[in-house]
Amino acid sequence: QVQLVESGGGLVQAGGSLSLSCAASGRAFSNYNMGWFRQAPGKEREFVAAISWQSRNKYYADSVKGRFTISRDNAKKTVYLQMNSLKPEDTAVYYCAYAAKPWATMSRIINDYEYWGQGTQVTVSS
């Protein structure tokens, strides 16, 4: 069983920065890809970023590329999302996600992630 706990959300003005963290407990974190997704009110959950188990590969949604950075510390079993140049359209609940299989191919698909955090609210004011 895996548990994920996100932290770091909050309220920020447009152009500002926030850093999200997601601490994992349970099975071998270092063997699994991790992802960040977000869900705005009235919208479907969407992919934001993903990082491979050895941090060799990183994927980003086009909407956040160049502004957000995903990273991980396998010793701490933690994945991070640094968000810069935030825009009002980045407002959403952000979820970290744990891949369903070890050493998997990188994925932007929700169903390829088995465990999810409780979510942390990010609000960007204009």
Foldseek 3Di string as FASTA:
>chain_A
DKAKAKDWADEEAAQAKIKMKIAMDDPQLLQWKKFKWWDDPPGDIFGAKIAASPRPDIDGDPVQPPFKDWDDDSVRRMIMIIGGRDDQVVWTWMKMFIAPDTPDDDDRDPVRTDDIYPTDTHGYHD
